[in-house]
Amino acid sequence: MKYQNCLFDLYGTLVDIRTDEDAPSLWKVMAEYYRERGASYRPGELRDAYSHEIRCAEGAASSTPDAHEAHLEIQIEYVFQRLFQARGGNASLEQAIQAGRQFRKLSTVYIRLYDGAVEMLQTLREQGCGVYLLSNAQGIFTRMELDQLGLTPLFDKIYLSSDYGVKKPDRRFFDLLLQTEGIAPDSAVMIGNDGACDIAGGRAAGLATLYVRSNISPQEPLPAADYVLEEMDLEWVTVILTGNAAAS
């Protein structure tokens, strides 16, 4: 194996997803969901209240003493709980999580694996590579989707930004995984589709990097990664990671 440990991004790298949080039908159904549970909103009111609560949560995170030049992450389940509380609903955190998962299901247009994702992860594990997920993601959404797609058992450990209050490209998120798992940076590679979050962040943490441009990559110049693929091809990613390809 070329690398002893592989750190993967999720959305846009292993999973192709499209969501639409602006769809009127979403807010109509969610307003009814909240109304049935004691918190009355009109669809437009709920959409605006949701946006407001997200901004407030992000603002609170950015105002913490250690926020300078940091990339802090919120836990979105508390947003859904505050939406209940704002209209007199007495929702538990578990009820708020269920509301969040309902929101995610309704706002997802599609979710699917890129071709070869499962086979790639299986091959790496069979060859003795440590396989880790390092994703900017909300746990209440992503754990459900990882289970749905059959990915959960294919990782040695899953690191989601909402669990730790920090997200890529913040080096602390990378270091947290490396230190917790006892991984030397020079033994690992970060694979992702985002030049800033995955590649610049990974390089700052001392990792080798592999960039793959996907249909949901940011519009950006090709980054200075050790390996650069200009289109999605996980079969070729597997070849690179198993040590059968020269650096670009």
C-alpha atoms as a PDB file:
ATOM      1  CA  MET A   1       0.000   0.000   0.000  1.00  0.00           C
ATOM      2  CA  LYS A   2       1.254   3.473  -0.842  1.00  0.00           C
ATOM      3  CA  TYR A   3      -0.504   4.945   2.214  1.00  0.00           C
ATOM      4  CA  GLN A   4      -1.242   3.292   5.531  1.00  0.00           C
ATOM      5  CA  ASN A   5      -4.267   5.511   6.207  1.00  0.00           C
ATOM      6  CA  CYS A   6      -6.831   7.155   3.942  1.00  0.00           C
ATOM      7  CA  LEU A   7      -9.018  10.042   5.118  1.00  0.00           C
ATOM      8  CA  PHE A   8     -12.084  10.621   2.966  1.00  0.00           C
ATOM      9  CA  ASP A   9     -14.447  13.506   2.508  1.00  0.00           C
ATOM     10  CA  LEU A  10     -18.053  12.353   1.984  1.00  0.00           C
ATOM     11  CA  TYR A  11     -20.357  14.593  -0.050  1.00  0.00           C
ATOM     12  CA  GLY A  12     -18.979  15.186  -3.523  1.00  0.00           C
ATOM     13  CA  THR A  13     -16.259  12.576  -3.014  1.00  0.00           C
ATOM     14  CA  LEU A  14     -18.055   9.334  -2.190  1.00  0.00           C
ATOM     15  CA  VAL A  15     -21.664  10.492  -2.271  1.00  0.00           C
ATOM     16  CA  ASP A  16     -23.512  12.501  -4.903  1.00  0.00           C
ATOM     17  CA  ILE A  17     -26.309  14.514  -3.318  1.00  0.00           C
ATOM     18  CA  ARG A  18     -28.642  17.291  -4.278  1.00  0.00           C
ATOM     19  CA  THR A  19     -30.842  19.096  -1.772  1.00  0.00           C
ATOM     20  CA  ASP A  20     -33.368  21.892  -2.183  1.00  0.00           C
ATOM     21  CA  GLU A  21     -34.128  23.816   0.993  1.00  0.00           C
ATOM     22  CA  ASP A  22     -36.052  26.491  -0.912  1.00  0.00           C
ATOM     23  CA  ALA A  23     -38.829  24.255  -2.227  1.00  0.00           C
ATOM     24  CA  PRO A  24     -42.264  25.609  -1.145  1.00  0.00           C
ATOM     25  CA  SER A  25     -43.510  22.038  -0.681  1.00  0.00           C
ATOM     26  CA  LEU A  26     -40.790  21.431   1.923  1.00  0.00           C
ATOM     27  CA  TRP A  27     -41.884  24.317   4.116  1.00  0.00           C
ATOM     28  CA  LYS A  28     -45.568  23.490   3.699  1.00  0.00           C
ATOM     29  CA  VAL A  29     -45.033  19.955   4.995  1.00  0.00           C
ATOM     30  CA  MET A  30     -42.651  21.055   7.756  1.00  0.00           C
ATOM     31  CA  ALA A  31     -45.099  23.745   8.931  1.00  0.00           C
ATOM     32  CA  GLU A  32     -47.756  21.074   9.240  1.00  0.00           C
ATOM     33  CA  TYR A  33     -45.272  18.824  11.058  1.00  0.00           C
ATOM     34  CA  TYR A  34     -44.568  21.540  13.626  1.00  0.00           C
ATOM     35  CA  ARG A  35     -48.227  22.532  13.924  1.00  0.00           C
ATOM     36  CA  GLU A  36     -49.205  18.932  14.730  1.00  0.00           C
ATOM     37  CA  ARG A  37     -46.670  19.019  17.557  1.00  0.00           C
ATOM     38  CA  GLY A  38     -47.808  22.229  19.169  1.00  0.00           C
ATOM     39  CA  ALA A  39     -45.753  24.874  17.342  1.00  0.00           C
ATOM     40  CA  SER A  40     -47.852  26.805  14.836  1.00  0.00           C
ATOM     41  CA  TYR A  41     -46.135  28.348  11.804  1.00  0.00           C
ATOM     42  CA  ARG A  42     -47.160  29.368   8.343  1.00  0.00           C
ATOM     43  CA  PRO A  43     -44.751  27.903   5.754  1.00  0.00           C
ATOM     44  CA  GLY A  44     -43.042  31.211   5.033  1.00  0.00           C
ATOM     45  CA  GLU A  45     -42.747  32.008   8.732  1.00  0.00           C
ATOM     46  CA  LEU A  46     -41.066  28.685   9.409  1.00  0.00           C
ATOM     47  CA  ARG A  47     -38.619  29.149   6.539  1.00  0.00           C
ATOM     48  CA  ASP A  48     -37.663  32.612   7.818  1.00  0.00           C
ATOM     49  CA  ALA A  49     -37.431  31.439  11.416  1.00  0.00           C
ATOM     50  CA  TYR A  50     -35.182  28.554  10.379  1.00  0.00           C
ATOM     51  CA  SER A  51     -32.828  30.900   8.503  1.00  0.00           C
ATOM     52  CA  HIS A  52     -32.776  33.242  11.497  1.00  0.00           C
ATOM     53  CA  GLU A  53     -31.958  30.469  13.950  1.00  0.00           C
ATOM     54  CA  ILE A  54     -29.139  29.205  11.712  1.00  0.00           C
ATOM     55  CA  ARG A  55     -27.637  32.698  11.571  1.00  0.00           C
ATOM     56  CA  CYS A  56     -27.945  33.072  15.341  1.00  0.00           C
ATOM     57  CA  ALA A  57     -26.284  29.710  15.978  1.00  0.00           C
ATOM     58  CA  GLU A  58     -23.440  30.490  13.603  1.00  0.00           C
ATOM     59  CA  GLY A  59     -23.040  33.944  15.113  1.00  0.00           C
ATOM     60  CA  ALA A  60     -22.860  32.514  18.609  1.00  0.00           C
ATOM     61  CA  ALA A  61     -20.186  30.053  17.513  1.00  0.00           C
ATOM     62  CA  SER A  62     -18.094  32.740  15.831  1.00  0.00           C
ATOM     63  CA  SER A  63     -18.189  34.945  18.937  1.00  0.00           C
ATOM     64  CA  THR A  64     -16.535  32.395  21.213  1.00  0.00           C
ATOM     65  CA  PRO A  65     -13.084  33.359  22.591  1.00  0.00           C
ATOM     66  CA  ASP A  66     -11.188  30.804  20.470  1.00  0.00           C
ATOM     67  CA  ALA A  67     -12.975  31.629  17.205  1.00  0.00           C
ATOM     68  CA  HIS A  68     -10.257  33.790  15.636  1.00  0.00           C
ATOM     69  CA  GLU A  69      -9.401  32.278  12.254  1.00  0.00           C
ATOM     70  CA  ALA A  70     -11.280  29.133  13.273  1.00  0.00           C
ATOM     71  CA  HIS A  71     -13.935  27.262  11.335  1.00  0.00           C
ATOM     72  CA  LEU A  72     -16.529  26.416  13.948  1.00  0.00           C
ATOM     73  CA  GLU A  73     -19.510  24.131  13.468  1.00  0.00           C
ATOM     74  CA  ILE A  74     -23.005  24.205  14.946  1.00  0.00           C
ATOM     75  CA  GLN A  75     -25.279  21.317  15.946  1.00  0.00           C
ATOM     76  CA  ILE A  76     -28.395  21.769  13.866  1.00  0.00           C
ATOM     77  CA  GLU A  77     -30.648  19.691  16.106  1.00  0.00           C
ATOM     78  CA  TYR A  78     -30.711  22.621  18.520  1.00  0.00           C
ATOM     79  CA  VAL A  79     -32.010  24.837  15.710  1.00  0.00           C
ATOM     80  CA  PHE A  80     -34.973  22.517  15.228  1.00  0.00           C
ATOM     81  CA  GLN A  81     -35.541  22.441  18.985  1.00  0.00           C
ATOM     82  CA  ARG A  82     -35.532  26.241  19.234  1.00  0.00           C
ATOM     83  CA  LEU A  83     -38.134  26.382  16.462  1.00  0.00           C
ATOM     84  CA  PHE A  84     -40.448  24.369  18.697  1.00  0.00           C
ATOM     85  CA  GLN A  85     -39.656  26.491  21.737  1.00  0.00           C
ATOM     86  CA  ALA A  86     -40.229  29.786  19.908  1.00  0.00           C
ATOM     87  CA  ARG A  87     -43.896  28.869  19.391  1.00  0.00           C
ATOM     88  CA  GLY A  88     -44.564  27.283  22.737  1.00  0.00           C
ATOM     89  CA  GLY A  89     -43.751  23.727  21.784  1.00  0.00           C
ATOM     90  CA  ASN A  90     -42.075  21.671  24.496  1.00  0.00           C
ATOM     91  CA  ALA A  91     -39.989  19.373  22.319  1.00  0.00           C
ATOM     92  CA  SER A  92     -37.298  17.109  23.705  1.00  0.00           C
ATOM     93  CA  LEU A  93     -33.975  16.948  21.932  1.00  0.00           C
ATOM     94  CA  GLU A  94     -34.952  13.568  20.493  1.00  0.00           C
ATOM     95  CA  GLN A  95     -38.121  15.099  19.025  1.00  0.00           C
ATOM     96  CA  ALA A  96     -36.021  17.891  17.541  1.00  0.00           C
ATOM     97  CA  ILE A  97     -33.694  15.316  15.977  1.00  0.00           C
ATOM     98  CA  GLN A  98     -36.678  13.592  14.408  1.00  0.00           C
ATOM     99  CA  ALA A  99     -37.846  16.933  13.020  1.00  0.00           C
ATOM    100  CA  GLY A 100     -34.399  17.503  11.557  1.00  0.00           C
ATOM    101  CA  ARG A 101     -34.364  14.098   9.901  1.00  0.00           C
ATOM    102  CA  GLN A 102     -37.814  14.735   8.458  1.00  0.00           C
ATOM    103  CA  PHE A 103     -36.509  18.032   7.068  1.00  0.00           C
ATOM    104  CA  ARG A 104     -33.508  16.316   5.514  1.00  0.00           C
ATOM    105  CA  LYS A 105     -35.598  13.617   3.856  1.00  0.00           C
ATOM    106  CA  LEU A 106     -38.020  16.167   2.428  1.00  0.00           C
ATOM    107  CA  SER A 107     -35.279  18.491   1.168  1.00  0.00           C
ATOM    108  CA  THR A 108     -33.219  15.761  -0.505  1.00  0.00           C
ATOM    109  CA  VAL A 109     -33.829  15.603  -4.247  1.00  0.00           C
ATOM    110  CA  TYR A 110     -31.529  12.603  -4.610  1.00  0.00           C
ATOM    111  CA  ILE A 111     -28.676  10.873  -2.836  1.00  0.00           C
ATOM    112  CA  ARG A 112     -26.529   8.129  -4.316  1.00  0.00           C
ATOM    113  CA  LEU A 113     -23.051   6.678  -4.275  1.00  0.00           C
ATOM    114  CA  TYR A 114     -20.562   7.492  -6.968  1.00  0.00           C
ATOM    115  CA  ASP A 115     -19.713   4.431  -9.036  1.00  0.00           C
ATOM    116  CA  GLY A 116     -17.051   2.329  -7.371  1.00  0.00           C
ATOM    117  CA  ALA A 117     -17.258   3.914  -3.893  1.00  0.00           C
ATOM    118  CA  VAL A 118     -18.051   0.711  -2.006  1.00  0.00           C
ATOM    119  CA  GLU A 119     -15.576  -1.359  -4.004  1.00  0.00           C
ATOM    120  CA  MET A 120     -12.823   1.187  -3.370  1.00  0.00           C
ATOM    121  CA  LEU A 121     -13.357   1.276   0.398  1.00  0.00           C
ATOM    122  CA  GLN A 122     -13.537  -2.519   0.559  1.00  0.00           C
ATOM    123  CA  THR A 123     -10.316  -2.879  -1.435  1.00  0.00           C
ATOM    124  CA  LEU A 124      -8.452  -0.465   0.821  1.00  0.00           C
ATOM    125  CA  ARG A 125      -9.577  -2.263   3.972  1.00  0.00           C
ATOM    126  CA  GLU A 126      -8.749  -5.676   2.506  1.00  0.00           C
ATOM    127  CA  GLN A 127      -5.225  -4.445   1.811  1.00  0.00           C
ATOM    128  CA  GLY A 128      -4.767  -3.301   5.408  1.00  0.00           C
ATOM    129  CA  CYS A 129      -5.301   0.429   4.979  1.00  0.00           C
ATOM    130  CA  GLY A 130      -6.951   2.429   7.743  1.00  0.00           C
ATOM    131  CA  VAL A 131     -10.078   4.041   6.270  1.00  0.00           C
ATOM    132  CA  TYR A 132     -11.543   7.112   7.973  1.00  0.00           C
ATOM    133  CA  LEU A 133     -14.286   9.612   7.217  1.00  0.00           C
ATOM    134  CA  LEU A 134     -13.589  13.291   7.902  1.00  0.00           C
ATOM    135  CA  SER A 135     -16.635  15.255   6.824  1.00  0.00           C
ATOM    136  CA  ASN A 136     -18.141  18.694   7.293  1.00  0.00           C
ATOM    137  CA  ALA A 137     -21.560  17.358   8.108  1.00  0.00           C
ATOM    138  CA  GLN A 138     -24.439  17.330  10.558  1.00  0.00           C
ATOM    139  CA  GLY A 139     -24.618  14.085  12.471  1.00  0.00           C
ATOM    140  CA  ILE A 140     -28.414  13.914  12.555  1.00  0.00           C
ATOM    141  CA  PHE A 141     -28.446  13.976   8.759  1.00  0.00           C
ATOM    142  CA  THR A 142     -25.298  12.114   7.839  1.00  0.00           C
ATOM    143  CA  ARG A 143     -25.443   9.074  10.108  1.00  0.00           C
ATOM    144  CA  MET A 144     -28.881   8.323   8.699  1.00  0.00           C
ATOM    145  CA  GLU A 145     -27.532   8.646   5.149  1.00  0.00           C
ATOM    146  CA  LEU A 146     -24.404   6.584   5.828  1.00  0.00           C
ATOM    147  CA  ASP A 147     -26.613   3.752   7.083  1.00  0.00           C
ATOM    148  CA  GLN A 148     -28.984   4.146   4.133  1.00  0.00           C
ATOM    149  CA  LEU A 149     -26.094   3.867   1.661  1.00  0.00           C
ATOM    150  CA  GLY A 150     -24.375   0.985   3.472  1.00  0.00           C
ATOM    151  CA  LEU A 151     -21.201   2.980   4.159  1.00  0.00           C
ATOM    152  CA  THR A 152     -21.090   2.936   7.958  1.00  0.00           C
ATOM    153  CA  PRO A 153     -19.289  -0.408   8.393  1.00  0.00           C
ATOM    154  CA  LEU A 154     -16.715   0.454   5.717  1.00  0.00           C
ATOM    155  CA  PHE A 155     -14.933   3.043   7.885  1.00  0.00           C
ATOM    156  CA  ASP A 156     -12.647   2.362  10.813  1.00  0.00           C
ATOM    157  CA  LYS A 157     -13.932   5.590  12.410  1.00  0.00           C
ATOM    158  CA  ILE A 158     -16.280   8.383  11.385  1.00  0.00           C
ATOM    159  CA  TYR A 159     -15.542  12.017  12.242  1.00  0.00           C
ATOM    160  CA  LEU A 160     -18.335  14.522  11.586  1.00  0.00           C
ATOM    161  CA  SER A 161     -17.821  18.223  12.191  1.00  0.00           C
ATOM    162  CA  SER A 162     -21.021  18.720  14.189  1.00  0.00           C
ATOM    163  CA  ASP A 163     -19.772  16.239  16.799  1.00  0.00           C
ATOM    164  CA  TYR A 164     -16.641  18.266  17.468  1.00  0.00           C
ATOM    165  CA  GLY A 165     -17.650  21.896  16.910  1.00  0.00           C
ATOM    166  CA  VAL A 166     -15.002  22.456  14.255  1.00  0.00           C
ATOM    167  CA  LYS A 167     -14.822  21.802  10.527  1.00  0.00           C
ATOM    168  CA  LYS A 168     -12.422  21.641   7.615  1.00  0.00           C
ATOM    169  CA  PRO A 169     -10.199  23.405   6.659  1.00  0.00           C
ATOM    170  CA  ASP A 170      -9.472  24.112  10.328  1.00  0.00           C
ATOM    171  CA  ARG A 171      -6.347  22.125  11.162  1.00  0.00           C
ATOM    172  CA  ARG A 172      -7.761  21.222  14.556  1.00  0.00           C
ATOM    173  CA  PHE A 173     -10.282  18.904  12.902  1.00  0.00           C
ATOM    174  CA  PHE A 174      -7.542  17.043  11.034  1.00  0.00           C
ATOM    175  CA  ASP A 175      -5.296  16.913  14.099  1.00  0.00           C
ATOM    176  CA  LEU A 176      -8.131  15.596  16.238  1.00  0.00           C
ATOM    177  CA  LEU A 177      -8.484  12.557  13.985  1.00  0.00           C
ATOM    178  CA  LEU A 178      -4.738  12.022  13.631  1.00  0.00           C
ATOM    179  CA  GLN A 179      -4.022  12.283  17.339  1.00  0.00           C
ATOM    180  CA  THR A 180      -7.029  10.233  18.444  1.00  0.00           C
ATOM    181  CA  GLU A 181      -6.195   7.423  16.044  1.00  0.00           C
ATOM    182  CA  GLY A 182      -2.438   7.638  16.563  1.00  0.00           C
ATOM    183  CA  ILE A 183      -1.768   8.332  12.884  1.00  0.00           C
ATOM    184  CA  ALA A 184       1.457   9.948  11.718  1.00  0.00           C
ATOM    185  CA  PRO A 185       0.636  12.608   9.096  1.00  0.00           C
ATOM    186  CA  ASP A 186       3.260  11.294   6.692  1.00  0.00           C
ATOM    187  CA  SER A 187       1.489   7.922   6.618  1.00  0.00           C
ATOM    188  CA  ALA A 188      -1.846   9.343   5.490  1.00  0.00           C
ATOM    189  CA  VAL A 189      -3.601  10.929   2.533  1.00  0.00           C
ATOM    190  CA  MET A 190      -6.688  13.161   2.423  1.00  0.00           C
ATOM    191  CA  ILE A 191      -9.066  12.504  -0.469  1.00  0.00           C
ATOM    192  CA  GLY A 192     -11.661  15.128  -1.321  1.00  0.00           C
ATOM    193  CA  ASN A 193     -13.377  17.279  -3.923  1.00  0.00           C
ATOM    194  CA  ASP A 194     -12.879  20.709  -2.333  1.00  0.00           C
ATOM    195  CA  GLY A 195      -9.630  22.582  -2.876  1.00  0.00           C
ATOM    196  CA  ALA A 196      -9.917  24.698   0.259  1.00  0.00           C
ATOM    197  CA  CYS A 197     -11.496  22.342   2.786  1.00  0.00           C
ATOM    198  CA  ASP A 198      -9.904  19.060   1.772  1.00  0.00           C
ATOM    199  CA  ILE A 199      -6.697  19.907  -0.057  1.00  0.00           C
ATOM    200  CA  ALA A 200      -5.434  23.113   1.589  1.00  0.00           C
ATOM    201  CA  GLY A 201      -6.655  21.839   4.961  1.00  0.00           C
ATOM    202  CA  GLY A 202      -5.008  18.469   4.479  1.00  0.00           C
ATOM    203  CA  ARG A 203      -1.718  19.974   3.333  1.00  0.00           C
ATOM    204  CA  ALA A 204      -1.649  22.276   6.375  1.00  0.00           C
ATOM    205  CA  ALA A 205      -2.000  19.185   8.573  1.00  0.00           C
ATOM    206  CA  GLY A 206       0.973  17.527   6.876  1.00  0.00           C
ATOM    207  CA  LEU A 207      -1.019  15.031   4.807  1.00  0.00           C
ATOM    208  CA  ALA A 208      -0.587  13.942   1.237  1.00  0.00           C
ATOM    209  CA  THR A 209      -3.638  15.002  -0.784  1.00  0.00           C
ATOM    210  CA  LEU A 210      -5.717  13.664  -3.648  1.00  0.00           C
ATOM    211  CA  TYR A 211      -8.221  15.950  -5.331  1.00  0.00           C
ATOM    212  CA  VAL A 212     -11.049  14.683  -7.500  1.00  0.00           C
ATOM    213  CA  ARG A 213     -13.320  17.161  -9.238  1.00  0.00           C
ATOM    214  CA  SER A 214     -16.934  16.066  -9.057  1.00  0.00           C
ATOM    215  CA  ASN A 215     -20.249  17.460 -10.217  1.00  0.00           C
ATOM    216  CA  ILE A 216     -20.676  19.257  -6.878  1.00  0.00           C
ATOM    217  CA  SER A 217     -17.135  20.541  -6.401  1.00  0.00           C
ATOM    218  CA  PRO A 218     -16.800  24.288  -5.823  1.00  0.00           C
ATOM    219  CA  GLN A 219     -16.058  26.383  -8.885  1.00  0.00           C
ATOM    220  CA  GLU A 220     -12.350  26.887  -8.299  1.00  0.00           C
ATOM    221  CA  PRO A 221      -8.978  26.438 -10.005  1.00  0.00           C
ATOM    222  CA  LEU A 222      -7.440  22.998  -9.697  1.00  0.00           C
ATOM    223  CA  PRO A 223      -5.664  22.911  -6.330  1.00  0.00           C
ATOM    224  CA  ALA A 224      -2.053  22.048  -5.620  1.00  0.00           C
ATOM    225  CA  ALA A 225      -2.685  18.464  -4.543  1.00  0.00           C
ATOM    226  CA  ASP A 226      -0.256  15.557  -4.841  1.00  0.00           C
ATOM    227  CA  TYR A 227      -2.731  13.936  -7.204  1.00  0.00           C
ATOM    228  CA  VAL A 228      -5.363  15.735  -9.266  1.00  0.00           C
ATOM    229  CA  LEU A 229      -8.221  14.101 -11.150  1.00  0.00           C
ATOM    230  CA  GLU A 230     -10.221  16.489 -13.299  1.00  0.00           C
ATOM    231  CA  GLU A 231     -13.301  14.270 -13.248  1.00  0.00           C
ATOM    232  CA  MET A 232     -14.869  11.697 -10.972  1.00  0.00           C
ATOM    233  CA  ASP A 233     -13.188   8.303 -11.349  1.00  0.00           C
ATOM    234  CA  LEU A 234     -13.030   6.244  -8.163  1.00  0.00           C
ATOM    235  CA  GLU A 235     -11.522   3.282  -9.980  1.00  0.00           C
ATOM    236  CA  TRP A 236      -8.514   5.461 -10.777  1.00  0.00           C
ATOM    237  CA  VAL A 237      -8.498   6.822  -7.210  1.00  0.00           C
ATOM    238  CA  THR A 238      -8.196   3.207  -6.036  1.00  0.00           C
ATOM    239  CA  VAL A 239      -5.237   2.659  -8.340  1.00  0.00           C
ATOM    240  CA  ILE A 240      -3.489   5.720  -6.923  1.00  0.00           C
ATOM    241  CA  LEU A 241      -4.153   4.871  -3.296  1.00  0.00           C
ATOM    242  CA  THR A 242      -2.977   1.284  -3.638  1.00  0.00           C
ATOM    243  CA  GLY A 243       0.350   2.492  -5.041  1.00  0.00           C
ATOM    244  CA  ASN A 244      -0.028   1.584  -8.684  1.00  0.00           C
ATOM    245  CA  ALA A 245       0.166   5.084 -10.189  1.00  0.00           C
ATOM    246  CA  ALA A 246       2.842   7.777 -10.328  1.00  0.00           C
ATOM    247  CA  ALA A 247       2.204  11.236  -8.884  1.00  0.00           C
ATOM    248  CA  SER A 248       0.862  13.874 -11.261  1.00  0.00           C
END
